[in-house]
Amino acid sequence: MKGLLMSILTGTLLAMAAFPARAADQSVWRFDNLSAIGGAAVHVEGEPKLIDTPAGKALWFDGVDDVVYVDKHPLAGAARFTWEATFRPDGGAFEQRWMHLSEIDPATGKDSDARFLFEIRVVEDQWYLDAFVTGPGYKCTLAVPEKTFPVGKWYHVAQTFDGKTYKAYVDGVLQAEGEIDFKAQGEGHTSAGARINQVSWFHGAIFDSRFTAKALSPSEFEKIPAGLK
């Protein structure tokens, strides 16, 4: 009996190591289907495609008219935050707003001005990150055109806010920062593949996105799956 209990305990510990517990203030969205993402319904425009990668499915957008909408604003109510994503830019148009979190005004049912954006700017076969957040009394763009990366590869990007400073990262390396008087946003929805109003289309793939209601350090960021490196 003692041996059996030890075996069960060992198996449980190994499982916990392989699948670490997720914090209560954290959610992960996998872009591996077109039905539900992050536990919310998905609405599709165009023909975004599920593609195979060594780490599992990802969602690919053609840069022309592919976009998905998710009925959730994953950072609603968060006074501090970390927003991460693993994605692959494949070139194309200069200005691409590839993921957009938008607050909805409960009085009108329409998008307010409060929003988060992950964007890229593409220059020939290189790209640079543009992270953006705005709302009542705050607005900040973090972009450094001199810090470019080759298209066609998988990258981890993050934007964080610790109560004072808004920061943007590529593969754990700080790109830019600025102080803002951020205020938590209300409930809303999300688009991936384009801005919510269907402009600035994204050409590339998204593997996942993680949302945390506190500022994480780069050592705490999600790791790119081994198969995508």
C-alpha atoms as a PDB file:
ATOM      1  CA  MET A   1       0.000   0.000   0.000  1.00  0.00           C
ATOM      2  CA  LYS A   2       2.838   2.367   0.863  1.00  0.00           C
ATOM      3  CA  GLY A   3       4.434   1.723  -2.525  1.00  0.00           C
ATOM      4  CA  LEU A   4       1.133   2.387  -4.299  1.00  0.00           C
ATOM      5  CA  LEU A   5       0.647   5.684  -2.461  1.00  0.00           C
ATOM      6  CA  MET A   6       4.179   6.772  -3.311  1.00  0.00           C
ATOM      7  CA  SER A   7       3.567   5.922  -6.955  1.00  0.00           C
ATOM      8  CA  ILE A   8       0.361   7.964  -7.022  1.00  0.00           C
ATOM      9  CA  LEU A   9       2.082  10.895  -5.291  1.00  0.00           C
ATOM     10  CA  THR A  10       4.993  10.797  -7.713  1.00  0.00           C
ATOM     11  CA  GLY A  11       2.634  10.768 -10.677  1.00  0.00           C
ATOM     12  CA  THR A  12       0.684  13.706  -9.286  1.00  0.00           C
ATOM     13  CA  LEU A  13       3.849  15.752  -8.732  1.00  0.00           C
ATOM     14  CA  LEU A  14       5.058  15.042 -12.253  1.00  0.00           C
ATOM     15  CA  ALA A  15       1.713  16.134 -13.673  1.00  0.00           C
ATOM     16  CA  MET A  16       1.831  19.337 -11.640  1.00  0.00           C
ATOM     17  CA  ALA A  17       5.319  20.070 -12.960  1.00  0.00           C
ATOM     18  CA  ALA A  18       4.226  19.502 -16.549  1.00  0.00           C
ATOM     19  CA  PHE A  19       1.084  21.616 -16.164  1.00  0.00           C
ATOM     20  CA  PRO A  20       1.791  24.343 -13.591  1.00  0.00           C
ATOM     21  CA  ALA A  21      -1.187  25.946 -11.910  1.00  0.00           C
ATOM     22  CA  ARG A  22      -2.482  29.122 -13.514  1.00  0.00           C
ATOM     23  CA  ALA A  23      -2.918  32.154 -11.309  1.00  0.00           C
ATOM     24  CA  ALA A  24      -6.479  33.201 -10.573  1.00  0.00           C
ATOM     25  CA  ASP A  25      -5.776  36.611 -12.127  1.00  0.00           C
ATOM     26  CA  GLN A  26      -4.456  35.124 -15.373  1.00  0.00           C
ATOM     27  CA  SER A  27      -5.985  33.677 -18.535  1.00  0.00           C
ATOM     28  CA  VAL A  28      -4.482  32.116 -21.663  1.00  0.00           C
ATOM     29  CA  TRP A  29      -6.117  32.241 -25.082  1.00  0.00           C
ATOM     30  CA  ARG A  30      -5.099  29.579 -27.586  1.00  0.00           C
ATOM     31  CA  PHE A  31      -5.793  30.414 -31.204  1.00  0.00           C
ATOM     32  CA  ASP A  32      -6.393  26.794 -32.189  1.00  0.00           C
ATOM     33  CA  ASN A  33     -10.038  26.849 -33.323  1.00  0.00           C
ATOM     34  CA  LEU A  34     -12.715  29.096 -34.792  1.00  0.00           C
ATOM     35  CA  SER A  35     -15.508  28.320 -32.329  1.00  0.00           C
ATOM     36  CA  ALA A  36     -14.453  29.622 -28.907  1.00  0.00           C
ATOM     37  CA  ILE A  37     -11.354  31.407 -27.632  1.00  0.00           C
ATOM     38  CA  GLY A  38     -10.796  32.222 -23.988  1.00  0.00           C
ATOM     39  CA  GLY A  39     -14.142  30.635 -23.177  1.00  0.00           C
ATOM     40  CA  ALA A  40     -16.010  33.184 -25.314  1.00  0.00           C
ATOM     41  CA  ALA A  41     -17.762  32.893 -28.665  1.00  0.00           C
ATOM     42  CA  VAL A  42     -15.836  33.697 -31.854  1.00  0.00           C
ATOM     43  CA  HIS A  43     -17.249  35.525 -34.884  1.00  0.00           C
ATOM     44  CA  VAL A  44     -15.340  35.168 -38.146  1.00  0.00           C
ATOM     45  CA  GLU A  45     -14.992  37.519 -41.125  1.00  0.00           C
ATOM     46  CA  GLY A  46     -13.087  36.446 -44.234  1.00  0.00           C
ATOM     47  CA  GLU A  47     -11.369  33.057 -44.177  1.00  0.00           C
ATOM     48  CA  PRO A  48      -8.694  32.896 -41.453  1.00  0.00           C
ATOM     49  CA  LYS A  49      -7.101  29.452 -41.511  1.00  0.00           C
ATOM     50  CA  LEU A  50      -5.958  27.034 -38.847  1.00  0.00           C
ATOM     51  CA  ILE A  51      -2.395  25.965 -39.587  1.00  0.00           C
ATOM     52  CA  ASP A  52      -0.253  23.202 -38.126  1.00  0.00           C
ATOM     53  CA  THR A  53       2.891  24.077 -36.195  1.00  0.00           C
ATOM     54  CA  PRO A  54       5.276  21.805 -34.234  1.00  0.00           C
ATOM     55  CA  ALA A  55       3.598  23.131 -31.064  1.00  0.00           C
ATOM     56  CA  GLY A  56      -0.020  22.711 -32.198  1.00  0.00           C
ATOM     57  CA  LYS A  57      -2.548  24.697 -34.182  1.00  0.00           C
ATOM     58  CA  ALA A  58      -2.270  28.432 -34.809  1.00  0.00           C
ATOM     59  CA  LEU A  59      -4.522  30.875 -36.622  1.00  0.00           C
ATOM     60  CA  TRP A  60      -3.281  32.465 -39.852  1.00  0.00           C
ATOM     61  CA  PHE A  61      -4.570  35.705 -41.394  1.00  0.00           C
ATOM     62  CA  ASP A  62      -4.124  36.710 -45.045  1.00  0.00           C
ATOM     63  CA  GLY A  63      -3.617  40.454 -44.517  1.00  0.00           C
ATOM     64  CA  VAL A  64      -6.585  41.270 -46.766  1.00  0.00           C
ATOM     65  CA  ASP A  65      -9.932  40.553 -45.093  1.00  0.00           C
ATOM     66  CA  ASP A  66      -9.412  37.933 -42.355  1.00  0.00           C
ATOM     67  CA  VAL A  67     -10.446  38.841 -38.792  1.00  0.00           C
ATOM     68  CA  VAL A  68     -11.970  37.108 -35.766  1.00  0.00           C
ATOM     69  CA  TYR A  69     -13.946  38.737 -32.973  1.00  0.00           C
ATOM     70  CA  VAL A  70     -14.047  37.383 -29.426  1.00  0.00           C
ATOM     71  CA  ASP A  71     -16.875  38.413 -27.087  1.00  0.00           C
ATOM     72  CA  LYS A  72     -14.591  39.359 -24.206  1.00  0.00           C
ATOM     73  CA  HIS A  73     -12.225  42.125 -23.084  1.00  0.00           C
ATOM     74  CA  PRO A  74      -9.680  40.017 -21.148  1.00  0.00           C
ATOM     75  CA  LEU A  75      -8.156  42.964 -19.255  1.00  0.00           C
ATOM     76  CA  ALA A  76     -11.429  44.597 -18.219  1.00  0.00           C
ATOM     77  CA  GLY A  77     -11.178  45.784 -14.609  1.00  0.00           C
ATOM     78  CA  ALA A  78      -7.396  45.348 -14.380  1.00  0.00           C
ATOM     79  CA  ALA A  79      -5.636  48.348 -12.805  1.00  0.00           C
ATOM     80  CA  ARG A  80      -2.248  46.768 -13.574  1.00  0.00           C
ATOM     81  CA  PHE A  81      -1.601  44.306 -16.354  1.00  0.00           C
ATOM     82  CA  THR A  82       0.614  42.185 -18.543  1.00  0.00           C
ATOM     83  CA  TRP A  83      -0.558  41.338 -22.048  1.00  0.00           C
ATOM     84  CA  GLU A  84       1.553  38.787 -23.927  1.00  0.00           C
ATOM     85  CA  ALA A  85       1.289  37.060 -27.281  1.00  0.00           C
ATOM     86  CA  THR A  86       3.209  34.593 -29.428  1.00  0.00           C
ATOM     87  CA  PHE A  87       2.847  35.500 -33.083  1.00  0.00           C
ATOM     88  CA  ARG A  88       4.525  35.295 -36.491  1.00  0.00           C
ATOM     89  CA  PRO A  89       4.495  38.363 -38.761  1.00  0.00           C
ATOM     90  CA  ASP A  90       4.751  37.370 -42.429  1.00  0.00           C
ATOM     91  CA  GLY A  91       5.378  40.765 -44.019  1.00  0.00           C
ATOM     92  CA  GLY A  92       2.887  42.744 -46.089  1.00  0.00           C
ATOM     93  CA  ALA A  93       1.466  46.217 -45.550  1.00  0.00           C
ATOM     94  CA  PHE A  94       3.361  48.776 -43.481  1.00  0.00           C
ATOM     95  CA  GLU A  95       0.689  49.315 -40.809  1.00  0.00           C
ATOM     96  CA  GLN A  96      -0.876  46.234 -39.213  1.00  0.00           C
ATOM     97  CA  ARG A  97      -3.048  46.355 -36.081  1.00  0.00           C
ATOM     98  CA  TRP A  98      -3.153  42.664 -35.335  1.00  0.00           C
ATOM     99  CA  MET A  99      -4.894  42.491 -31.940  1.00  0.00           C
ATOM    100  CA  HIS A 100      -7.289  44.995 -30.392  1.00  0.00           C
ATOM    101  CA  LEU A 101      -8.999  44.988 -26.987  1.00  0.00           C
ATOM    102  CA  SER A 102     -11.861  47.463 -26.869  1.00  0.00           C
ATOM    103  CA  GLU A 103     -14.119  48.732 -24.113  1.00  0.00           C
ATOM    104  CA  ILE A 104     -17.827  48.970 -24.970  1.00  0.00           C
ATOM    105  CA  ASP A 105     -19.813  51.917 -23.635  1.00  0.00           C
ATOM    106  CA  PRO A 106     -22.723  50.317 -21.721  1.00  0.00           C
ATOM    107  CA  ALA A 107     -24.919  53.345 -22.423  1.00  0.00           C
ATOM    108  CA  THR A 108     -24.600  53.120 -26.206  1.00  0.00           C
ATOM    109  CA  GLY A 109     -23.488  49.531 -26.823  1.00  0.00           C
ATOM    110  CA  LYS A 110     -20.730  50.894 -29.070  1.00  0.00           C
ATOM    111  CA  ASP A 111     -16.962  50.929 -28.721  1.00  0.00           C
ATOM    112  CA  SER A 112     -15.639  53.681 -26.480  1.00  0.00           C
ATOM    113  CA  ASP A 113     -12.259  55.338 -27.000  1.00  0.00           C
ATOM    114  CA  ALA A 114     -10.620  53.114 -24.345  1.00  0.00           C
ATOM    115  CA  ARG A 115      -8.562  50.376 -25.955  1.00  0.00           C
ATOM    116  CA  PHE A 116      -5.342  48.345 -26.058  1.00  0.00           C
ATOM    117  CA  LEU A 117      -3.566  47.481 -29.302  1.00  0.00           C
ATOM    118  CA  PHE A 118      -0.728  45.298 -30.478  1.00  0.00           C
ATOM    119  CA  GLU A 119       0.502  46.618 -33.808  1.00  0.00           C
ATOM    120  CA  ILE A 120       3.478  46.173 -36.096  1.00  0.00           C
ATOM    121  CA  ARG A 121       5.078  48.300 -38.770  1.00  0.00           C
ATOM    122  CA  VAL A 122       6.621  46.398 -41.675  1.00  0.00           C
ATOM    123  CA  VAL A 123       9.549  47.805 -43.649  1.00  0.00           C
ATOM    124  CA  GLU A 124      10.558  45.457 -46.485  1.00  0.00           C
ATOM    125  CA  ASP A 125      11.501  42.179 -44.754  1.00  0.00           C
ATOM    126  CA  GLN A 126      11.719  43.672 -41.239  1.00  0.00           C
ATOM    127  CA  TRP A 127       9.158  44.715 -38.640  1.00  0.00           C
ATOM    128  CA  TYR A 128       9.061  46.678 -35.399  1.00  0.00           C
ATOM    129  CA  LEU A 129       6.579  46.624 -32.540  1.00  0.00           C
ATOM    130  CA  ASP A 130       3.989  49.292 -31.836  1.00  0.00           C
ATOM    131  CA  ALA A 131       2.181  48.882 -28.486  1.00  0.00           C
ATOM    132  CA  PHE A 132      -0.635  51.314 -27.768  1.00  0.00           C
ATOM    133  CA  VAL A 133      -3.085  52.066 -24.968  1.00  0.00           C
ATOM    134  CA  THR A 134      -5.570  54.897 -24.542  1.00  0.00           C
ATOM    135  CA  GLY A 135      -8.526  55.925 -22.405  1.00  0.00           C
ATOM    136  CA  PRO A 136      -9.831  58.887 -20.392  1.00  0.00           C
ATOM    137  CA  GLY A 137      -6.802  60.979 -19.374  1.00  0.00           C
ATOM    138  CA  TYR A 138      -4.113  58.686 -20.802  1.00  0.00           C
ATOM    139  CA  LYS A 139      -2.637  57.787 -24.169  1.00  0.00           C
ATOM    140  CA  CYS A 140       0.699  56.219 -25.011  1.00  0.00           C
ATOM    141  CA  THR A 141       2.391  54.745 -28.073  1.00  0.00           C
ATOM    142  CA  LEU A 142       5.526  52.635 -27.617  1.00  0.00           C
ATOM    143  CA  ALA A 143       7.365  52.165 -30.908  1.00  0.00           C
ATOM    144  CA  VAL A 144      11.039  52.367 -31.868  1.00  0.00           C
ATOM    145  CA  PRO A 145      11.547  52.168 -35.658  1.00  0.00           C
ATOM    146  CA  GLU A 146      15.259  51.440 -35.198  1.00  0.00           C
ATOM    147  CA  LYS A 147      14.540  48.183 -33.319  1.00  0.00           C
ATOM    148  CA  THR A 148      13.588  45.837 -36.146  1.00  0.00           C
ATOM    149  CA  PHE A 149      13.287  42.059 -36.534  1.00  0.00           C
ATOM    150  CA  PRO A 150      13.056  39.705 -39.544  1.00  0.00           C
ATOM    151  CA  VAL A 151       9.579  38.664 -40.673  1.00  0.00           C
ATOM    152  CA  GLY A 152       8.630  34.983 -41.007  1.00  0.00           C
ATOM    153  CA  LYS A 153       9.703  33.949 -37.467  1.00  0.00           C
ATOM    154  CA  TRP A 154       7.822  33.398 -34.217  1.00  0.00           C
ATOM    155  CA  TYR A 155       8.178  36.044 -31.518  1.00  0.00           C
ATOM    156  CA  HIS A 156       6.936  36.721 -28.002  1.00  0.00           C
ATOM    157  CA  VAL A 157       5.716  40.263 -27.359  1.00  0.00           C
ATOM    158  CA  ALA A 158       4.456  41.846 -24.163  1.00  0.00           C
ATOM    159  CA  GLN A 159       3.132  45.099 -22.805  1.00  0.00           C
ATOM    160  CA  THR A 160       2.962  45.772 -19.053  1.00  0.00           C
ATOM    161  CA  PHE A 161       1.807  48.418 -16.607  1.00  0.00           C
ATOM    162  CA  ASP A 162       2.927  48.428 -12.964  1.00  0.00           C
ATOM    163  CA  GLY A 163       0.845  51.330 -11.678  1.00  0.00           C
ATOM    164  CA  LYS A 164       3.193  53.955 -13.064  1.00  0.00           C
ATOM    165  CA  THR A 165       5.115  52.851 -16.155  1.00  0.00           C
ATOM    166  CA  TYR A 166       3.857  51.316 -19.389  1.00  0.00           C
ATOM    167  CA  LYS A 167       6.441  49.083 -21.114  1.00  0.00           C
ATOM    168  CA  ALA A 168       6.736  47.065 -24.336  1.00  0.00           C
ATOM    169  CA  TYR A 169       8.949  44.032 -24.973  1.00  0.00           C
ATOM    170  CA  VAL A 170       9.997  41.716 -27.807  1.00  0.00           C
ATOM    171  CA  ASP A 171      11.352  38.321 -26.714  1.00  0.00           C
ATOM    172  CA  GLY A 172      11.771  39.668 -23.188  1.00  0.00           C
ATOM    173  CA  VAL A 173      13.857  42.666 -24.256  1.00  0.00           C
ATOM    174  CA  LEU A 174      12.537  46.127 -23.405  1.00  0.00           C
ATOM    175  CA  GLN A 175      11.709  48.181 -26.502  1.00  0.00           C
ATOM    176  CA  ALA A 176      10.271  51.366 -24.973  1.00  0.00           C
ATOM    177  CA  GLU A 177       8.493  52.732 -21.898  1.00  0.00           C
ATOM    178  CA  GLY A 178       6.486  55.720 -20.734  1.00  0.00           C
ATOM    179  CA  GLU A 179       4.603  56.928 -17.666  1.00  0.00           C
ATOM    180  CA  ILE A 180       0.797  57.063 -17.907  1.00  0.00           C
ATOM    181  CA  ASP A 181      -2.155  57.759 -15.604  1.00  0.00           C
ATOM    182  CA  PHE A 182      -3.851  54.505 -16.588  1.00  0.00           C
ATOM    183  CA  LYS A 183      -7.403  53.713 -15.512  1.00  0.00           C
ATOM    184  CA  ALA A 184      -8.928  50.241 -15.683  1.00  0.00           C
ATOM    185  CA  GLN A 185     -11.143  49.673 -18.712  1.00  0.00           C
ATOM    186  CA  GLY A 186     -14.652  48.257 -18.702  1.00  0.00           C
ATOM    187  CA  GLU A 187     -16.115  45.169 -20.368  1.00  0.00           C
ATOM    188  CA  GLY A 188     -15.905  44.872 -24.121  1.00  0.00           C
ATOM    189  CA  HIS A 189     -14.610  42.668 -26.912  1.00  0.00           C
ATOM    190  CA  THR A 190     -11.496  41.755 -28.882  1.00  0.00           C
ATOM    191  CA  SER A 191     -10.443  41.487 -32.515  1.00  0.00           C
ATOM    192  CA  ALA A 192      -7.519  39.531 -33.927  1.00  0.00           C
ATOM    193  CA  GLY A 193      -6.323  39.920 -37.495  1.00  0.00           C
ATOM    194  CA  ALA A 194      -7.297  43.588 -37.828  1.00  0.00           C
ATOM    195  CA  ARG A 195      -8.437  46.609 -35.876  1.00  0.00           C
ATOM    196  CA  ILE A 196     -12.006  46.190 -34.621  1.00  0.00           C
ATOM    197  CA  ASN A 197     -13.320  48.534 -37.337  1.00  0.00           C
ATOM    198  CA  GLN A 198     -11.670  46.315 -39.993  1.00  0.00           C
ATOM    199  CA  VAL A 199      -8.658  48.360 -41.032  1.00  0.00           C
ATOM    200  CA  SER A 200      -4.901  47.687 -40.825  1.00  0.00           C
ATOM    201  CA  TRP A 201      -5.135  43.980 -41.667  1.00  0.00           C
ATOM    202  CA  PHE A 202      -2.580  41.506 -40.300  1.00  0.00           C
ATOM    203  CA  HIS A 203      -0.587  39.128 -42.489  1.00  0.00           C
ATOM    204  CA  GLY A 204       0.717  36.335 -40.287  1.00  0.00           C
ATOM    205  CA  ALA A 205      -0.220  33.894 -37.526  1.00  0.00           C
ATOM    206  CA  ILE A 206      -1.137  34.026 -33.839  1.00  0.00           C
ATOM    207  CA  PHE A 207      -0.416  31.052 -31.571  1.00  0.00           C
ATOM    208  CA  ASP A 208      -1.620  32.313 -28.200  1.00  0.00           C
ATOM    209  CA  SER A 209      -2.099  35.300 -25.925  1.00  0.00           C
ATOM    210  CA  ARG A 210      -1.872  35.540 -22.138  1.00  0.00           C
ATOM    211  CA  PHE A 211      -3.460  38.159 -19.905  1.00  0.00           C
ATOM    212  CA  THR A 212      -2.440  38.824 -16.297  1.00  0.00           C
ATOM    213  CA  ALA A 213      -3.935  41.386 -13.905  1.00  0.00           C
ATOM    214  CA  LYS A 214      -0.533  42.512 -12.635  1.00  0.00           C
ATOM    215  CA  ALA A 215       2.799  43.582 -14.068  1.00  0.00           C
ATOM    216  CA  LEU A 216       5.130  40.654 -14.694  1.00  0.00           C
ATOM    217  CA  SER A 217       8.893  40.858 -15.061  1.00  0.00           C
ATOM    218  CA  PRO A 218      10.507  39.411 -18.210  1.00  0.00           C
ATOM    219  CA  SER A 219      11.640  36.366 -16.209  1.00  0.00           C
ATOM    220  CA  GLU A 220       7.956  35.610 -15.564  1.00  0.00           C
ATOM    221  CA  PHE A 221       6.856  35.954 -19.175  1.00  0.00           C
ATOM    222  CA  GLU A 222       5.388  33.023 -21.063  1.00  0.00           C
ATOM    223  CA  LYS A 223       7.998  31.052 -22.996  1.00  0.00           C
ATOM    224  CA  ILE A 224       7.733  30.464 -26.745  1.00  0.00           C
ATOM    225  CA  PRO A 225       7.005  26.747 -27.229  1.00  0.00           C
ATOM    226  CA  ALA A 226      10.180  24.862 -28.145  1.00  0.00           C
ATOM    227  CA  GLY A 227       8.760  23.771 -31.481  1.00  0.00           C
ATOM    228  CA  LEU A 228       8.325  27.371 -32.624  1.00  0.00           C
ATOM    229  CA  LYS A 229      11.891  28.515 -31.962  1.00  0.00           C
END
